[in-house]
N, C-alpha and C. Protein backbone atom coordinates (compact mmCIF):
# COMPACT_ATOMS: atom_id res chain seq x y z
N MET A 1 -6.46 31.38 38.81
CA MET A 1 -7.28 31.90 37.74
C MET A 1 -8.14 30.75 37.22
N GLY A 2 -9.46 30.96 37.13
CA GLY A 2 -10.38 29.92 36.68
C GLY A 2 -10.32 29.69 35.18
N LEU A 3 -10.83 28.53 34.76
CA LEU A 3 -10.81 28.18 33.34
C LEU A 3 -11.61 29.17 32.50
N ARG A 4 -12.69 29.70 33.06
CA ARG A 4 -13.49 30.66 32.28
C ARG A 4 -12.68 31.91 31.93
N VAL A 5 -11.79 32.31 32.82
CA VAL A 5 -10.93 33.46 32.53
C VAL A 5 -10.00 33.11 31.37
N TRP A 6 -9.42 31.90 31.39
CA TRP A 6 -8.54 31.47 30.30
C TRP A 6 -9.32 31.44 28.98
N GLU A 7 -10.54 30.89 29.03
CA GLU A 7 -11.36 30.82 27.82
C GLU A 7 -11.72 32.22 27.32
N SER A 8 -12.05 33.12 28.24
CA SER A 8 -12.38 34.50 27.85
C SER A 8 -11.19 35.18 27.20
N ARG A 9 -10.01 34.96 27.75
CA ARG A 9 -8.80 35.55 27.17
C ARG A 9 -8.52 34.97 25.78
N PHE A 10 -8.75 33.67 25.63
CA PHE A 10 -8.57 33.05 24.32
C PHE A 10 -9.53 33.67 23.31
N LEU A 11 -10.81 33.83 23.69
CA LEU A 11 -11.79 34.42 22.76
C LEU A 11 -11.42 35.85 22.41
N LEU A 12 -10.91 36.60 23.38
CA LEU A 12 -10.49 37.97 23.10
C LEU A 12 -9.35 37.97 22.08
N ALA A 13 -8.36 37.09 22.27
CA ALA A 13 -7.26 37.00 21.31
C ALA A 13 -7.77 36.56 19.94
N LEU A 14 -8.75 35.67 19.93
CA LEU A 14 -9.32 35.18 18.68
C LEU A 14 -10.00 36.31 17.90
N ASP A 15 -10.53 37.30 18.62
CA ASP A 15 -11.16 38.45 17.96
C ASP A 15 -10.19 39.18 17.04
N PHE A 16 -8.90 39.10 17.33
CA PHE A 16 -7.90 39.80 16.53
C PHE A 16 -7.33 38.94 15.40
N THR A 17 -7.86 37.73 15.26
CA THR A 17 -7.42 36.81 14.21
C THR A 17 -8.31 37.00 12.99
N GLY A 18 -7.73 37.21 11.85
CA GLY A 18 -8.53 37.37 10.63
C GLY A 18 -9.07 36.03 10.15
N GLY A 19 -10.15 36.08 9.42
CA GLY A 19 -10.69 34.89 8.78
C GLY A 19 -11.62 34.04 9.62
N ILE A 20 -11.95 34.48 10.83
CA ILE A 20 -12.86 33.71 11.68
C ILE A 20 -14.28 33.82 11.12
N GLU A 21 -14.88 32.68 10.84
CA GLU A 21 -16.24 32.66 10.31
C GLU A 21 -17.27 32.36 11.40
N GLU A 22 -16.90 31.50 12.35
CA GLU A 22 -17.85 31.07 13.39
C GLU A 22 -17.06 30.50 14.56
N VAL A 23 -17.59 30.68 15.77
CA VAL A 23 -17.02 30.06 16.97
C VAL A 23 -18.17 29.41 17.72
N LEU A 24 -18.05 28.10 17.96
CA LEU A 24 -19.07 27.36 18.69
C LEU A 24 -18.47 26.89 20.01
N SER A 25 -19.17 27.14 21.11
CA SER A 25 -18.70 26.72 22.42
C SER A 25 -19.20 25.32 22.73
N GLN A 26 -18.33 24.45 23.22
CA GLN A 26 -18.64 23.06 23.55
C GLN A 26 -19.54 22.43 22.49
N PRO A 27 -19.02 22.28 21.27
CA PRO A 27 -19.85 21.91 20.13
C PRO A 27 -20.38 20.48 20.15
N PHE A 28 -19.68 19.55 20.76
CA PHE A 28 -20.12 18.15 20.80
C PHE A 28 -19.23 17.38 21.77
N ARG A 29 -19.63 16.13 22.03
CA ARG A 29 -18.84 15.25 22.89
C ARG A 29 -18.20 14.17 22.04
N LEU A 30 -16.90 13.99 22.18
CA LEU A 30 -16.17 12.93 21.49
C LEU A 30 -16.15 11.69 22.38
N ARG A 31 -16.45 10.54 21.81
CA ARG A 31 -16.33 9.28 22.54
C ARG A 31 -15.30 8.42 21.82
N PHE A 32 -14.39 7.83 22.59
CA PHE A 32 -13.34 7.03 21.98
C PHE A 32 -12.87 5.98 22.99
N THR A 33 -12.13 5.00 22.49
CA THR A 33 -11.62 3.93 23.32
C THR A 33 -10.10 3.99 23.34
N THR A 34 -9.54 3.87 24.54
CA THR A 34 -8.09 3.82 24.70
C THR A 34 -7.74 2.48 25.35
N ALA A 35 -6.47 2.23 25.55
CA ALA A 35 -6.05 1.00 26.22
C ALA A 35 -6.64 0.93 27.63
N GLY A 36 -6.93 2.07 28.21
CA GLY A 36 -7.50 2.12 29.55
C GLY A 36 -9.01 2.00 29.60
N GLY A 37 -9.67 1.95 28.44
CA GLY A 37 -11.12 1.82 28.40
C GLY A 37 -11.78 2.96 27.65
N ALA A 38 -13.09 3.05 27.80
CA ALA A 38 -13.88 4.08 27.11
C ALA A 38 -13.63 5.45 27.74
N GLU A 39 -13.54 6.45 26.91
CA GLU A 39 -13.32 7.83 27.35
C GLU A 39 -14.28 8.74 26.59
N ASP A 40 -14.51 9.92 27.13
CA ASP A 40 -15.20 10.95 26.37
C ASP A 40 -14.60 12.30 26.71
N HIS A 41 -14.80 13.24 25.79
CA HIS A 41 -14.22 14.57 25.96
C HIS A 41 -15.07 15.57 25.18
N THR A 42 -15.31 16.73 25.77
CA THR A 42 -16.01 17.81 25.09
C THR A 42 -15.02 18.94 24.84
N PRO A 43 -14.70 19.21 23.56
CA PRO A 43 -13.78 20.31 23.26
C PRO A 43 -14.38 21.65 23.70
N ASP A 44 -13.53 22.61 24.03
CA ASP A 44 -14.02 23.92 24.45
C ASP A 44 -14.66 24.69 23.29
N PHE A 45 -14.00 24.68 22.13
CA PHE A 45 -14.50 25.46 21.00
C PHE A 45 -14.28 24.74 19.68
N LEU A 46 -15.17 24.99 18.75
CA LEU A 46 -14.97 24.64 17.35
C LEU A 46 -14.93 25.97 16.61
N VAL A 47 -13.80 26.25 15.97
CA VAL A 47 -13.61 27.51 15.27
C VAL A 47 -13.59 27.23 13.77
N LEU A 48 -14.45 27.91 13.02
CA LEU A 48 -14.42 27.82 11.56
C LEU A 48 -13.57 28.98 11.08
N LEU A 49 -12.44 28.64 10.48
CA LEU A 49 -11.40 29.61 10.15
C LEU A 49 -10.99 29.43 8.70
N ASP A 50 -11.35 30.38 7.86
CA ASP A 50 -10.98 30.32 6.44
C ASP A 50 -11.32 28.97 5.80
N GLY A 51 -12.51 28.46 6.11
CA GLY A 51 -12.95 27.21 5.51
C GLY A 51 -12.47 25.96 6.22
N ALA A 52 -11.66 26.09 7.26
CA ALA A 52 -11.18 24.93 8.03
C ALA A 52 -11.88 24.90 9.38
N ALA A 53 -12.12 23.70 9.89
CA ALA A 53 -12.69 23.53 11.22
C ALA A 53 -11.55 23.17 12.18
N VAL A 54 -11.41 23.93 13.26
CA VAL A 54 -10.32 23.73 14.22
C VAL A 54 -10.92 23.52 15.60
N LEU A 55 -10.62 22.36 16.23
CA LEU A 55 -11.06 22.11 17.60
C LEU A 55 -10.04 22.70 18.56
N ILE A 56 -10.54 23.38 19.58
CA ILE A 56 -9.66 24.06 20.53
C ILE A 56 -10.02 23.64 21.96
N ASP A 57 -9.01 23.29 22.73
CA ASP A 57 -9.13 23.14 24.17
C ASP A 57 -8.26 24.20 24.80
N VAL A 58 -8.80 24.91 25.76
CA VAL A 58 -8.07 25.98 26.43
C VAL A 58 -7.74 25.49 27.84
N ARG A 59 -6.46 25.31 28.12
CA ARG A 59 -6.01 24.87 29.44
C ARG A 59 -4.69 25.53 29.77
N PRO A 60 -4.53 25.99 31.01
CA PRO A 60 -3.20 26.42 31.44
C PRO A 60 -2.33 25.17 31.57
N GLY A 61 -1.04 25.32 31.34
CA GLY A 61 -0.12 24.18 31.32
C GLY A 61 -0.18 23.30 32.56
N HIS A 62 -0.36 23.89 33.73
CA HIS A 62 -0.33 23.07 34.95
C HIS A 62 -1.55 22.16 35.08
N LEU A 63 -2.58 22.35 34.26
CA LEU A 63 -3.75 21.48 34.31
C LEU A 63 -3.73 20.37 33.26
N VAL A 64 -2.69 20.34 32.43
CA VAL A 64 -2.59 19.30 31.41
C VAL A 64 -1.87 18.11 32.04
N ARG A 65 -2.60 16.99 32.16
CA ARG A 65 -2.02 15.79 32.77
C ARG A 65 -1.08 15.12 31.78
N ASP A 66 0.04 14.62 32.28
CA ASP A 66 1.03 13.96 31.42
C ASP A 66 0.43 12.80 30.64
N GLU A 67 -0.42 11.97 31.30
CA GLU A 67 -0.98 10.80 30.60
C GLU A 67 -1.94 11.22 29.48
N THR A 68 -2.65 12.30 29.67
CA THR A 68 -3.53 12.81 28.61
C THR A 68 -2.68 13.34 27.47
N TRP A 69 -1.63 14.04 27.81
CA TRP A 69 -0.74 14.63 26.81
C TRP A 69 -0.14 13.55 25.92
N ARG A 70 0.31 12.46 26.52
CA ARG A 70 0.94 11.38 25.76
C ARG A 70 -0.08 10.59 24.95
N SER A 71 -1.32 10.48 25.43
CA SER A 71 -2.30 9.60 24.77
C SER A 71 -3.08 10.28 23.66
N SER A 72 -2.84 11.56 23.40
CA SER A 72 -3.64 12.26 22.40
C SER A 72 -2.76 12.98 21.39
N PRO A 73 -2.08 12.23 20.51
CA PRO A 73 -1.24 12.89 19.51
C PRO A 73 -2.08 13.68 18.52
N PRO A 74 -1.66 14.88 18.16
CA PRO A 74 -2.40 15.66 17.17
C PRO A 74 -2.25 15.02 15.79
N PRO A 75 -3.24 15.22 14.93
CA PRO A 75 -3.20 14.58 13.62
C PRO A 75 -2.00 14.99 12.77
N SER A 76 -1.45 16.15 13.00
CA SER A 76 -0.32 16.60 12.19
C SER A 76 1.01 16.03 12.67
N GLY A 77 1.00 15.43 13.86
CA GLY A 77 2.24 14.94 14.43
C GLY A 77 3.01 16.00 15.19
N ARG A 78 2.62 17.27 15.07
CA ARG A 78 3.28 18.36 15.81
C ARG A 78 2.61 18.48 17.16
N ARG A 79 3.36 18.80 18.16
CA ARG A 79 2.79 18.91 19.50
C ARG A 79 3.37 20.14 20.20
N PRO A 80 2.50 21.05 20.66
CA PRO A 80 3.01 22.18 21.44
C PRO A 80 3.32 21.72 22.85
N ARG A 81 4.05 22.51 23.59
CA ARG A 81 4.25 22.19 25.00
C ARG A 81 2.94 22.51 25.74
N PRO A 82 2.66 21.83 26.89
CA PRO A 82 1.45 22.15 27.64
C PRO A 82 1.40 23.64 27.98
N GLY A 83 0.24 24.22 27.83
CA GLY A 83 0.07 25.64 28.09
C GLY A 83 0.42 26.49 26.90
N GLY A 84 0.92 25.88 25.84
CA GLY A 84 1.25 26.59 24.62
C GLY A 84 0.09 26.54 23.65
N ALA A 85 0.30 26.97 22.44
CA ALA A 85 -0.76 26.97 21.44
C ALA A 85 -0.24 26.31 20.18
N MET A 86 -1.10 25.59 19.52
CA MET A 86 -0.73 24.96 18.25
C MET A 86 -1.96 24.93 17.36
N TRP A 87 -1.78 25.33 16.14
CA TRP A 87 -2.84 25.23 15.13
C TRP A 87 -2.40 24.17 14.15
N TRP A 88 -3.22 23.21 13.87
CA TRP A 88 -2.89 22.21 12.85
C TRP A 88 -4.09 21.90 12.03
């Protein structure tokens, strides 16, 4: 199943979520430095939800690399399992 199918399914599920004000696809590119050097990443969606901005990446669990998973802690300190969902 291609990533576009996963993204389409996510957007369909998002339609049933109350409080959605706006959804932007690939809103910007993040540039940052890690121990391994310069990196960049473009989030799949920016969702404006009840006054909060939430960045979303849609990936099936088997496409989440372990090194990426370990190097990108969420700001809340909570972490879903790969392929799961987490709002923070």
